[in-house]
C-alpha atoms as a PDB file:
ATOM      1  CA  UNK A   1      24.788  27.299   9.246  1.00  0.00           C
ATOM      2  CA  UNK A   2      26.314  27.391  12.745  1.00  0.00           C
ATOM      3  CA  UNK A   3      27.582  24.931  14.444  1.00  0.00           C
ATOM      4  CA  UNK A   4      24.856  24.384  16.836  1.00  0.00           C
ATOM      5  CA  UNK A   5      22.384  23.589  14.368  1.00  0.00           C
ATOM      6  CA  UNK A   6      24.795  21.035  12.292  1.00  0.00           C
ATOM      7  CA  UNK A   7      24.479  18.967  15.961  1.00  0.00           C
ATOM      8  CA  UNK A   8      20.519  18.479  14.921  1.00  0.00           C
ATOM      9  CA  UNK A   9      21.593  16.529  11.720  1.00  0.00           C
ATOM     10  CA  UNK A  10      22.993  13.934  14.010  1.00  0.00           C
ATOM     11  CA  UNK A  11      20.335  12.218  15.631  1.00  0.00           C
ATOM     12  CA  UNK A  12      18.483  12.576  12.111  1.00  0.00           C
ATOM     13  CA  UNK A  13      21.478  10.751  10.670  1.00  0.00           C
ATOM     14  CA  UNK A  14      21.944   7.793  13.385  1.00  0.00           C
ATOM     15  CA  UNK A  15      17.599   7.223  12.571  1.00  0.00           C
ATOM     16  CA  UNK A  16      17.780   7.211   9.012  1.00  0.00           C
ATOM     17  CA  UNK A  17      21.044   4.595   9.564  1.00  0.00           C
ATOM     18  CA  UNK A  18      18.533   2.573  11.753  1.00  0.00           C
ATOM     19  CA  UNK A  19      15.934   2.729   9.687  1.00  0.00           C
ATOM     20  CA  UNK A  20      18.089   1.579   6.649  1.00  0.00           C
ATOM     21  CA  UNK A  21      20.062  -1.088   8.170  1.00  0.00           C
ATOM     22  CA  UNK A  22      17.559  -4.289   8.006  1.00  0.00           C
ATOM     23  CA  UNK A  23      16.731  -3.374   4.577  1.00  0.00           C
ATOM     24  CA  UNK A  24      20.909  -3.067   3.718  1.00  0.00           C
ATOM     25  CA  UNK A  25      21.462  -6.638   5.361  1.00  0.00           C
ATOM     26  CA  UNK A  26      18.526  -7.771   3.898  1.00  0.00           C
ATOM     27  CA  UNK A  27      20.050  -7.443   0.695  1.00  0.00           C
ATOM     28  CA  UNK A  28      22.942  -8.448   1.392  1.00  0.00           C
ATOM     29  CA  UNK A  29      21.891 -12.082   2.599  1.00  0.00           C
ATOM     30  CA  UNK A  30      19.738 -12.487  -0.744  1.00  0.00           C
ATOM     31  CA  UNK A  31      23.247 -12.045  -2.430  1.00  0.00           C
ATOM     32  CA  UNK A  32      25.089 -14.274   0.170  1.00  0.00           C
ATOM     33  CA  UNK A  33      25.653 -18.518  -0.104  1.00  0.00           C
ATOM     34  CA  UNK A  34      23.236 -20.509   1.477  1.00  0.00           C
ATOM     35  CA  UNK A  35      25.974 -21.434   4.392  1.00  0.00           C
ATOM     36  CA  UNK A  36      27.337 -17.746   4.997  1.00  0.00           C
ATOM     37  CA  UNK A  37      23.318 -16.452   5.235  1.00  0.00           C
ATOM     38  CA  UNK A  38      22.438 -19.100   7.467  1.00  0.00           C
ATOM     39  CA  UNK A  39      25.170 -18.502   9.604  1.00  0.00           C
ATOM     40  CA  UNK A  40      24.463 -14.824   9.806  1.00  0.00           C
ATOM     41  CA  UNK A  41      21.130 -15.203  10.351  1.00  0.00           C
ATOM     42  CA  UNK A  42      21.658 -17.251  13.763  1.00  0.00           C
ATOM     43  CA  UNK A  43      24.515 -15.134  14.331  1.00  0.00           C
ATOM     44  CA  UNK A  44      27.598 -17.754  13.981  1.00  0.00           C
ATOM     45  CA  UNK A  45      28.565 -16.180  11.290  1.00  0.00           C
ATOM     46  CA  UNK A  46      29.123 -12.304  12.253  1.00  0.00           C
ATOM     47  CA  UNK A  47      27.489  -9.874  10.761  1.00  0.00           C
ATOM     48  CA  UNK A  48      26.850  -9.533   6.828  1.00  0.00           C
ATOM     49  CA  UNK A  49      27.353  -5.765   5.838  1.00  0.00           C
ATOM     50  CA  UNK A  50      28.226  -7.364   1.974  1.00  0.00           C
ATOM     51  CA  UNK A  51      28.797 -10.330   0.652  1.00  0.00           C
ATOM     52  CA  UNK A  52      32.680 -10.694  -0.668  1.00  0.00           C
ATOM     53  CA  UNK A  53      31.246 -12.665  -3.365  1.00  0.00           C
ATOM     54  CA  UNK A  54      27.648 -11.477  -4.462  1.00  0.00           C
ATOM     55  CA  UNK A  55      25.523 -14.427  -6.042  1.00  0.00           C
ATOM     56  CA  UNK A  56      23.120 -12.733  -8.272  1.00  0.00           C
ATOM     57  CA  UNK A  57      21.850 -15.788  -9.472  1.00  0.00           C
ATOM     58  CA  UNK A  58      20.066 -16.310  -5.949  1.00  0.00           C
ATOM     59  CA  UNK A  59      17.380 -13.726  -7.400  1.00  0.00           C
ATOM     60  CA  UNK A  60      16.219 -15.816 -10.433  1.00  0.00           C
ATOM     61  CA  UNK A  61      16.761 -19.274  -8.442  1.00  0.00           C
ATOM     62  CA  UNK A  62      14.166 -18.155  -5.753  1.00  0.00           C
ATOM     63  CA  UNK A  63      11.468 -16.219  -7.883  1.00  0.00           C
ATOM     64  CA  UNK A  64      11.241 -19.868  -9.522  1.00  0.00           C
ATOM     65  CA  UNK A  65      10.553 -21.928  -6.906  1.00  0.00           C
ATOM     66  CA  UNK A  66       7.801 -19.216  -5.415  1.00  0.00           C
ATOM     67  CA  UNK A  67       4.360 -21.191  -5.715  1.00  0.00           C
ATOM     68  CA  UNK A  68       5.885 -23.960  -7.751  1.00  0.00           C
ATOM     69  CA  UNK A  69       8.684 -24.699  -9.607  1.00  0.00           C
ATOM     70  CA  UNK A  70       8.586 -22.707 -12.492  1.00  0.00           C
ATOM     71  CA  UNK A  71       8.376 -19.090 -13.162  1.00  0.00           C
ATOM     72  CA  UNK A  72       4.732 -18.810 -13.924  1.00  0.00           C
ATOM     73  CA  UNK A  73       4.214 -19.284  -9.781  1.00  0.00           C
ATOM     74  CA  UNK A  74       6.105 -16.073  -9.233  1.00  0.00           C
ATOM     75  CA  UNK A  75       4.362 -14.195 -12.198  1.00  0.00           C
ATOM     76  CA  UNK A  76       1.108 -15.496 -11.637  1.00  0.00           C
ATOM     77  CA  UNK A  77       1.211 -14.260  -8.213  1.00  0.00           C
ATOM     78  CA  UNK A  78       2.793 -10.728  -9.257  1.00  0.00           C
ATOM     79  CA  UNK A  79      -0.333 -10.335 -11.800  1.00  0.00           C
ATOM     80  CA  UNK A  80      -2.481 -10.879  -9.323  1.00  0.00           C
ATOM     81  CA  UNK A  81      -1.533  -8.633  -6.597  1.00  0.00           C
ATOM     82  CA  UNK A  82      -1.078  -5.943  -9.642  1.00  0.00           C
ATOM     83  CA  UNK A  83      -4.438  -6.268 -10.708  1.00  0.00           C
ATOM     84  CA  UNK A  84      -5.464  -6.367  -7.052  1.00  0.00           C
ATOM     85  CA  UNK A  85      -3.720  -3.168  -5.956  1.00  0.00           C
ATOM     86  CA  UNK A  86      -4.246  -1.313  -9.060  1.00  0.00           C
ATOM     87  CA  UNK A  87      -8.042  -1.383  -9.305  1.00  0.00           C
ATOM     88  CA  UNK A  88      -8.195  -0.973  -5.773  1.00  0.00           C
ATOM     89  CA  UNK A  89      -6.143   2.648  -6.182  1.00  0.00           C
ATOM     90  CA  UNK A  90      -8.134   3.994  -8.782  1.00  0.00           C
ATOM     91  CA  UNK A  91     -11.153   2.631  -7.342  1.00  0.00           C
ATOM     92  CA  UNK A  92     -10.544   4.266  -3.685  1.00  0.00           C
ATOM     93  CA  UNK A  93      -9.327   7.385  -5.358  1.00  0.00           C
ATOM     94  CA  UNK A  94     -12.340   7.954  -7.422  1.00  0.00           C
ATOM     95  CA  UNK A  95     -15.414   6.831  -4.807  1.00  0.00           C
ATOM     96  CA  UNK A  96     -13.396   8.538  -1.841  1.00  0.00           C
ATOM     97  CA  UNK A  97     -12.882  11.939  -3.821  1.00  0.00           C
ATOM     98  CA  UNK A  98     -16.741  11.684  -4.978  1.00  0.00           C
ATOM     99  CA  UNK A  99     -17.914  11.038  -1.255  1.00  0.00           C
ATOM    100  CA  UNK A 100     -15.926  13.741   0.227  1.00  0.00           C
ATOM    101  CA  UNK A 101     -16.873  16.304  -2.353  1.00  0.00           C
ATOM    102  CA  UNK A 102     -20.572  15.258  -1.412  1.00  0.00           C
ATOM    103  CA  UNK A 103     -19.713  15.982   2.460  1.00  0.00           C
ATOM    104  CA  UNK A 104     -17.698  19.248   1.636  1.00  0.00           C
ATOM    105  CA  UNK A 105     -19.773  20.943  -1.024  1.00  0.00           C
ATOM    106  CA  UNK A 106     -23.277  19.174  -0.810  1.00  0.00           C
ATOM    107  CA  UNK A 107     -26.533  20.432   1.612  1.00  0.00           C
ATOM    108  CA  UNK A 108     -28.526  17.798   2.509  1.00  0.00           C
ATOM    109  CA  UNK A 109     -30.795  16.787   5.375  1.00  0.00           C
ATOM    110  CA  UNK A 110     -28.470  14.868   7.600  1.00  0.00           C
ATOM    111  CA  UNK A 111     -25.259  15.831   6.432  1.00  0.00           C
ATOM    112  CA  UNK A 112     -23.701  15.871   9.615  1.00  0.00           C
ATOM    113  CA  UNK A 113     -24.555  13.037  11.360  1.00  0.00           C
ATOM    114  CA  UNK A 114     -23.631  10.920   8.459  1.00  0.00           C
ATOM    115  CA  UNK A 115     -20.149  12.225   8.620  1.00  0.00           C
ATOM    116  CA  UNK A 116     -20.252  11.582  11.953  1.00  0.00           C
ATOM    117  CA  UNK A 117     -21.262   8.086  11.485  1.00  0.00           C
ATOM    118  CA  UNK A 118     -18.805   7.625   8.766  1.00  0.00           C
ATOM    119  CA  UNK A 119     -16.083   8.646  11.027  1.00  0.00           C
ATOM    120  CA  UNK A 120     -16.718   6.637  13.859  1.00  0.00           C
ATOM    121  CA  UNK A 121     -16.381   3.424  11.352  1.00  0.00           C
ATOM    122  CA  UNK A 122     -12.783   4.241  11.904  1.00  0.00           C
ATOM    123  CA  UNK A 123     -12.686   3.163  15.471  1.00  0.00           C
ATOM    124  CA  UNK A 124     -13.805  -0.731  14.607  1.00  0.00           C
ATOM    125  CA  UNK A 125     -10.989  -2.785  14.175  1.00  0.00           C
ATOM    126  CA  UNK A 126     -11.340  -4.944  11.367  1.00  0.00           C
ATOM    127  CA  UNK A 127     -11.236  -8.108  13.189  1.00  0.00           C
ATOM    128  CA  UNK A 128     -14.611  -7.379  13.876  1.00  0.00           C
ATOM    129  CA  UNK A 129     -15.890  -6.945   9.956  1.00  0.00           C
ATOM    130  CA  UNK A 130     -14.249 -10.021   9.476  1.00  0.00           C
ATOM    131  CA  UNK A 131     -16.821 -12.959   9.864  1.00  0.00           C
ATOM    132  CA  UNK A 132     -19.772 -10.937   8.659  1.00  0.00           C
ATOM    133  CA  UNK A 133     -17.786 -10.039   5.586  1.00  0.00           C
ATOM    134  CA  UNK A 134     -16.618 -13.286   4.926  1.00  0.00           C
ATOM    135  CA  UNK A 135     -19.885 -14.830   5.068  1.00  0.00           C
ATOM    136  CA  UNK A 136     -21.474 -12.152   3.132  1.00  0.00           C
ATOM    137  CA  UNK A 137     -18.870 -12.644   0.797  1.00  0.00           C
ATOM    138  CA  UNK A 138     -19.245 -16.127   0.991  1.00  0.00           C
ATOM    139  CA  UNK A 139     -23.435 -16.413   0.274  1.00  0.00           C
ATOM    140  CA  UNK A 140     -22.429 -14.157  -3.126  1.00  0.00           C
ATOM    141  CA  UNK A 141     -20.258 -17.251  -3.978  1.00  0.00           C
ATOM    142  CA  UNK A 142     -17.242 -15.055  -4.088  1.00  0.00           C
ATOM    143  CA  UNK A 143     -14.846 -16.586  -2.320  1.00  0.00           C
ATOM    144  CA  UNK A 144     -12.074 -17.960  -4.333  1.00  0.00           C
ATOM    145  CA  UNK A 145     -12.018 -14.795  -6.427  1.00  0.00           C
ATOM    146  CA  UNK A 146     -10.512 -11.265  -6.275  1.00  0.00           C
ATOM    147  CA  UNK A 147     -13.783 -10.171  -5.962  1.00  0.00           C
ATOM    148  CA  UNK A 148     -13.498  -9.556  -2.344  1.00  0.00           C
ATOM    149  CA  UNK A 149     -10.739  -8.016  -2.416  1.00  0.00           C
ATOM    150  CA  UNK A 150     -11.395  -5.193  -4.844  1.00  0.00           C
ATOM    151  CA  UNK A 151     -15.462  -4.435  -4.784  1.00  0.00           C
ATOM    152  CA  UNK A 152     -15.057  -2.989  -1.238  1.00  0.00           C
ATOM    153  CA  UNK A 153     -13.172  -0.008  -2.491  1.00  0.00           C
ATOM    154  CA  UNK A 154     -15.387   0.841  -4.911  1.00  0.00           C
ATOM    155  CA  UNK A 155     -17.466   2.361  -1.218  1.00  0.00           C
ATOM    156  CA  UNK A 156     -14.958   4.933  -0.165  1.00  0.00           C
ATOM    157  CA  UNK A 157     -12.381   4.531   2.745  1.00  0.00           C
ATOM    158  CA  UNK A 158     -13.460   6.527   5.899  1.00  0.00           C
ATOM    159  CA  UNK A 159      -9.903   7.921   6.407  1.00  0.00           C
ATOM    160  CA  UNK A 160      -9.839   9.264   2.935  1.00  0.00           C
ATOM    161  CA  UNK A 161     -12.911  10.204   2.401  1.00  0.00           C
ATOM    162  CA  UNK A 162     -12.099  12.694   5.458  1.00  0.00           C
ATOM    163  CA  UNK A 163      -9.024  13.783   3.969  1.00  0.00           C
ATOM    164  CA  UNK A 164     -10.668  14.720   0.780  1.00  0.00           C
ATOM    165  CA  UNK A 165     -13.761  16.601   2.271  1.00  0.00           C
ATOM    166  CA  UNK A 166     -11.140  18.700   4.391  1.00  0.00           C
ATOM    167  CA  UNK A 167      -9.174  19.449   1.578  1.00  0.00           C
ATOM    168  CA  UNK A 168     -12.130  20.204  -0.805  1.00  0.00           C
ATOM    169  CA  UNK A 169     -13.590  22.701   1.939  1.00  0.00           C
ATOM    170  CA  UNK A 170     -10.768  24.792   1.798  1.00  0.00           C
ATOM    171  CA  UNK A 171     -11.437  25.886  -1.966  1.00  0.00           C
ATOM    172  CA  UNK A 172     -13.110  29.063  -2.456  1.00  0.00           C
ATOM    173  CA  UNK A 173     -16.700  28.796  -3.141  1.00  0.00           C
ATOM    174  CA  UNK A 174     -16.570  31.425  -5.963  1.00  0.00           C
ATOM    175  CA  UNK A 175     -14.321  28.910  -8.497  1.00  0.00           C
ATOM    176  CA  UNK A 176     -17.599  26.188  -8.153  1.00  0.00           C
ATOM    177  CA  UNK A 177     -19.829  28.925  -8.725  1.00  0.00           C
ATOM    178  CA  UNK A 178     -18.084  30.274 -11.836  1.00  0.00           C
ATOM    179  CA  UNK A 179     -17.621  26.857 -12.935  1.00  0.00           C
ATOM    180  CA  UNK A 180     -21.464  26.295 -12.815  1.00  0.00           C
ATOM    181  CA  UNK A 181     -22.780  29.222 -14.615  1.00  0.00           C
ATOM    182  CA  UNK A 182     -20.456  27.655 -17.495  1.00  0.00           C
ATOM    183  CA  UNK A 183     -22.533  25.357 -17.244  1.00  0.00           C
ATOM    184  CA  UNK A 184     -20.426  22.501 -15.634  1.00  0.00           C
ATOM    185  CA  UNK A 185     -22.262  19.691 -13.965  1.00  0.00           C
ATOM    186  CA  UNK A 186     -21.807  18.378 -10.313  1.00  0.00           C
ATOM    187  CA  UNK A 187     -19.883  15.578 -11.919  1.00  0.00           C
ATOM    188  CA  UNK A 188     -18.093  17.407 -14.442  1.00  0.00           C
ATOM    189  CA  UNK A 189     -17.152  19.917 -11.023  1.00  0.00           C
ATOM    190  CA  UNK A 190     -15.900  16.714  -9.336  1.00  0.00           C
ATOM    191  CA  UNK A 191     -13.989  15.431 -12.683  1.00  0.00           C
ATOM    192  CA  UNK A 192     -12.740  18.190 -14.373  1.00  0.00           C
ATOM    193  CA  UNK A 193     -11.927  20.860 -11.588  1.00  0.00           C
ATOM    194  CA  UNK A 194     -11.717  18.799  -7.984  1.00  0.00           C
ATOM    195  CA  UNK A 195      -9.961  15.848  -8.903  1.00  0.00           C
ATOM    196  CA  UNK A 196      -6.974  17.871 -10.753  1.00  0.00           C
ATOM    197  CA  UNK A 197      -6.950  20.590  -8.096  1.00  0.00           C
ATOM    198  CA  UNK A 198      -6.686  17.301  -5.170  1.00  0.00           C
ATOM    199  CA  UNK A 199      -3.608  16.062  -6.703  1.00  0.00           C
ATOM    200  CA  UNK A 200      -1.685  16.070  -3.387  1.00  0.00           C
ATOM    201  CA  UNK A 201      -4.345  13.968  -1.741  1.00  0.00           C
ATOM    202  CA  UNK A 202      -4.704  12.046  -4.447  1.00  0.00           C
ATOM    203  CA  UNK A 203      -1.086  11.312  -4.111  1.00  0.00           C
ATOM    204  CA  UNK A 204      -0.984  10.501  -0.479  1.00  0.00           C
ATOM    205  CA  UNK A 205      -4.488   8.004  -0.839  1.00  0.00           C
ATOM    206  CA  UNK A 206      -2.695   6.614  -3.721  1.00  0.00           C
ATOM    207  CA  UNK A 207       0.732   5.575  -2.209  1.00  0.00           C
ATOM    208  CA  UNK A 208      -0.858   4.574   1.438  1.00  0.00           C
ATOM    209  CA  UNK A 209      -3.557   2.589  -0.374  1.00  0.00           C
ATOM    210  CA  UNK A 210      -1.024   0.658  -2.286  1.00  0.00           C
ATOM    211  CA  UNK A 211       1.482   0.059   0.147  1.00  0.00           C
ATOM    212  CA  UNK A 212      -1.338  -1.593   2.148  1.00  0.00           C
ATOM    213  CA  UNK A 213      -3.161  -3.635  -0.574  1.00  0.00           C
ATOM    214  CA  UNK A 214       0.498  -4.792  -1.834  1.00  0.00           C
ATOM    215  CA  UNK A 215       1.385  -6.081   1.351  1.00  0.00           C
ATOM    216  CA  UNK A 216      -1.847  -7.099   2.947  1.00  0.00           C
ATOM    217  CA  UNK A 217      -1.750 -10.871   3.519  1.00  0.00           C
ATOM    218  CA  UNK A 218      -4.865 -11.519   5.861  1.00  0.00           C
ATOM    219  CA  UNK A 219      -7.709 -10.970   3.518  1.00  0.00           C
ATOM    220  CA  UNK A 220      -6.394 -12.598   0.377  1.00  0.00           C
ATOM    221  CA  UNK A 221      -5.377 -15.446   3.031  1.00  0.00           C
ATOM    222  CA  UNK A 222      -9.182 -15.256   4.129  1.00  0.00           C
ATOM    223  CA  UNK A 223     -10.579 -15.022   0.252  1.00  0.00           C
ATOM    224  CA  UNK A 224      -8.257 -16.810  -1.992  1.00  0.00           C
ATOM    225  CA  UNK A 225      -8.054 -20.539  -1.244  1.00  0.00           C
ATOM    226  CA  UNK A 226      -6.476 -21.257  -4.846  1.00  0.00           C
ATOM    227  CA  UNK A 227      -2.625 -21.349  -5.376  1.00  0.00           C
ATOM    228  CA  UNK A 228      -3.226 -19.663  -9.130  1.00  0.00           C
ATOM    229  CA  UNK A 229      -5.707 -17.182  -7.060  1.00  0.00           C
ATOM    230  CA  UNK A 230      -2.650 -16.282  -4.653  1.00  0.00           C
ATOM    231  CA  UNK A 231      -1.140 -13.083  -4.197  1.00  0.00           C
ATOM    232  CA  UNK A 232       2.295 -11.872  -3.363  1.00  0.00           C
ATOM    233  CA  UNK A 233       2.214 -12.188   0.589  1.00  0.00           C
ATOM    234  CA  UNK A 234       0.662 -15.346   0.219  1.00  0.00           C
ATOM    235  CA  UNK A 235       3.130 -16.660  -2.494  1.00  0.00           C
ATOM    236  CA  UNK A 236       5.442 -15.316  -0.051  1.00  0.00           C
ATOM    237  CA  UNK A 237       3.969 -16.832   2.932  1.00  0.00           C
ATOM    238  CA  UNK A 238       4.017 -20.385   1.039  1.00  0.00           C
ATOM    239  CA  UNK A 239       7.601 -20.047   0.258  1.00  0.00           C
ATOM    240  CA  UNK A 240       8.655 -19.234   3.717  1.00  0.00           C
ATOM    241  CA  UNK A 241       7.018 -22.374   4.572  1.00  0.00           C
ATOM    242  CA  UNK A 242       8.310 -24.845   2.284  1.00  0.00           C
ATOM    243  CA  UNK A 243      11.949 -23.071   2.495  1.00  0.00           C
ATOM    244  CA  UNK A 244      11.776 -21.730   5.867  1.00  0.00           C
ATOM    245  CA  UNK A 245      14.839 -23.446   6.838  1.00  0.00           C
ATOM    246  CA  UNK A 246      18.717 -21.649   7.117  1.00  0.00           C
ATOM    247  CA  UNK A 247      19.535 -23.421   3.932  1.00  0.00           C
ATOM    248  CA  UNK A 248      16.964 -21.153   2.128  1.00  0.00           C
ATOM    249  CA  UNK A 249      17.413 -17.686   4.239  1.00  0.00           C
ATOM    250  CA  UNK A 250      19.019 -16.515   0.903  1.00  0.00           C
ATOM    251  CA  UNK A 251      16.355 -17.470  -1.083  1.00  0.00           C
ATOM    252  CA  UNK A 252      13.622 -16.069   1.219  1.00  0.00           C
ATOM    253  CA  UNK A 253      15.879 -12.663   1.569  1.00  0.00           C
ATOM    254  CA  UNK A 254      15.867 -12.458  -2.335  1.00  0.00           C
ATOM    255  CA  UNK A 255      11.954 -13.020  -2.791  1.00  0.00           C
ATOM    256  CA  UNK A 256      11.207 -10.206  -0.173  1.00  0.00           C
ATOM    257  CA  UNK A 257      13.641  -7.539  -1.738  1.00  0.00           C
ATOM    258  CA  UNK A 258      11.768  -7.841  -5.006  1.00  0.00           C
ATOM    259  CA  UNK A 259       8.392  -8.179  -3.258  1.00  0.00           C
ATOM    260  CA  UNK A 260       9.005  -4.975  -1.690  1.00  0.00           C
ATOM    261  CA  UNK A 261      10.502  -3.040  -4.853  1.00  0.00           C
ATOM    262  CA  UNK A 262       7.545  -1.652  -6.218  1.00  0.00           C
ATOM    263  CA  UNK A 263       6.573   0.242  -3.014  1.00  0.00           C
ATOM    264  CA  UNK A 264       9.822   1.685  -2.949  1.00  0.00           C
ATOM    265  CA  UNK A 265       9.834   3.131  -6.341  1.00  0.00           C
ATOM    266  CA  UNK A 266       6.441   4.108  -5.983  1.00  0.00           C
ATOM    267  CA  UNK A 267       7.815   6.069  -3.169  1.00  0.00           C
ATOM    268  CA  UNK A 268      10.100   8.052  -5.177  1.00  0.00           C
ATOM    269  CA  UNK A 269       8.255   8.335  -8.167  1.00  0.00           C
ATOM    270  CA  UNK A 270       5.159  10.684  -5.731  1.00  0.00           C
ATOM    271  CA  UNK A 271       7.626  11.698  -3.345  1.00  0.00           C
ATOM    272  CA  UNK A 272       7.196  15.286  -4.156  1.00  0.00           C
ATOM    273  CA  UNK A 273       3.361  15.243  -4.352  1.00  0.00           C
ATOM    274  CA  UNK A 274       2.998  13.029  -0.969  1.00  0.00           C
ATOM    275  CA  UNK A 275       5.435  15.403   0.707  1.00  0.00           C
ATOM    276  CA  UNK A 276       3.613  18.778  -1.116  1.00  0.00           C
ATOM    277  CA  UNK A 277      -0.013  16.901   0.247  1.00  0.00           C
ATOM    278  CA  UNK A 278       1.157  16.506   3.787  1.00  0.00           C
ATOM    279  CA  UNK A 279       2.743  20.041   4.115  1.00  0.00           C
ATOM    280  CA  UNK A 280      -0.350  21.646   2.614  1.00  0.00           C
ATOM    281  CA  UNK A 281      -1.842  20.085   5.618  1.00  0.00           C
ATOM    282  CA  UNK A 282      -4.416  17.738   3.877  1.00  0.00           C
ATOM    283  CA  UNK A 283      -6.296  16.751   6.929  1.00  0.00           C
ATOM    284  CA  UNK A 284      -5.931  20.133   8.410  1.00  0.00           C
ATOM    285  CA  UNK A 285      -9.956  22.251   8.648  1.00  0.00           C
END
């Protein structure tokens, strides 16, 4: 590597530091005392790079106050988030891959217009469908339950359907013909052959869906009214409203760090598949 090419890494390193610094600062404030964290937030105490005396007790004390004064408040909210996120991820992968398989390999009348119509739905902002969906779910009696957050995932996602369709269209037809000769059914082709081959797209779908659903605040705020049904995003907002003063900044940062840990861990676990899927051009025709 020559000297000129090394300078390319300078803006990359600076960009990485700029992106990671807010996370580092949040962790540092979560380990500070109430006085120093509040002062650093308003700029009176200077920039906190790392506490002199890390207060690890801030984490259990903060989690005990999420939703209630007991640990069960945080655990209930986390359990709801885990259920909604895991079911949504699995449902999105299965439904989107199945529909993408149909658009890529099945010949039926109106396939082109239907595919175009499906892609057109991505141009609709969620604010347009928010009120009609709420009225629909209220009529079904699903408000204040997890069903409005889970059931729509079983009907697929237009963006991920497009990704699966483009990826499956690149697979040689001879592979499908050989499977049919061996007696494999249509669902067998999808389950036993396509899904294992589409693991890069599955990883991308899982990571993006997990991050979006785990951090989603608007949908749970609309449909969930009871405290025992709240997800972590709603519980964190309630905690911010109740303990949002400067005297509780360290608690707010501690809860925020714990809330975002699953997303960070998932990214590192699926990093190889994610990079592989993007490198192979999962959305390329």
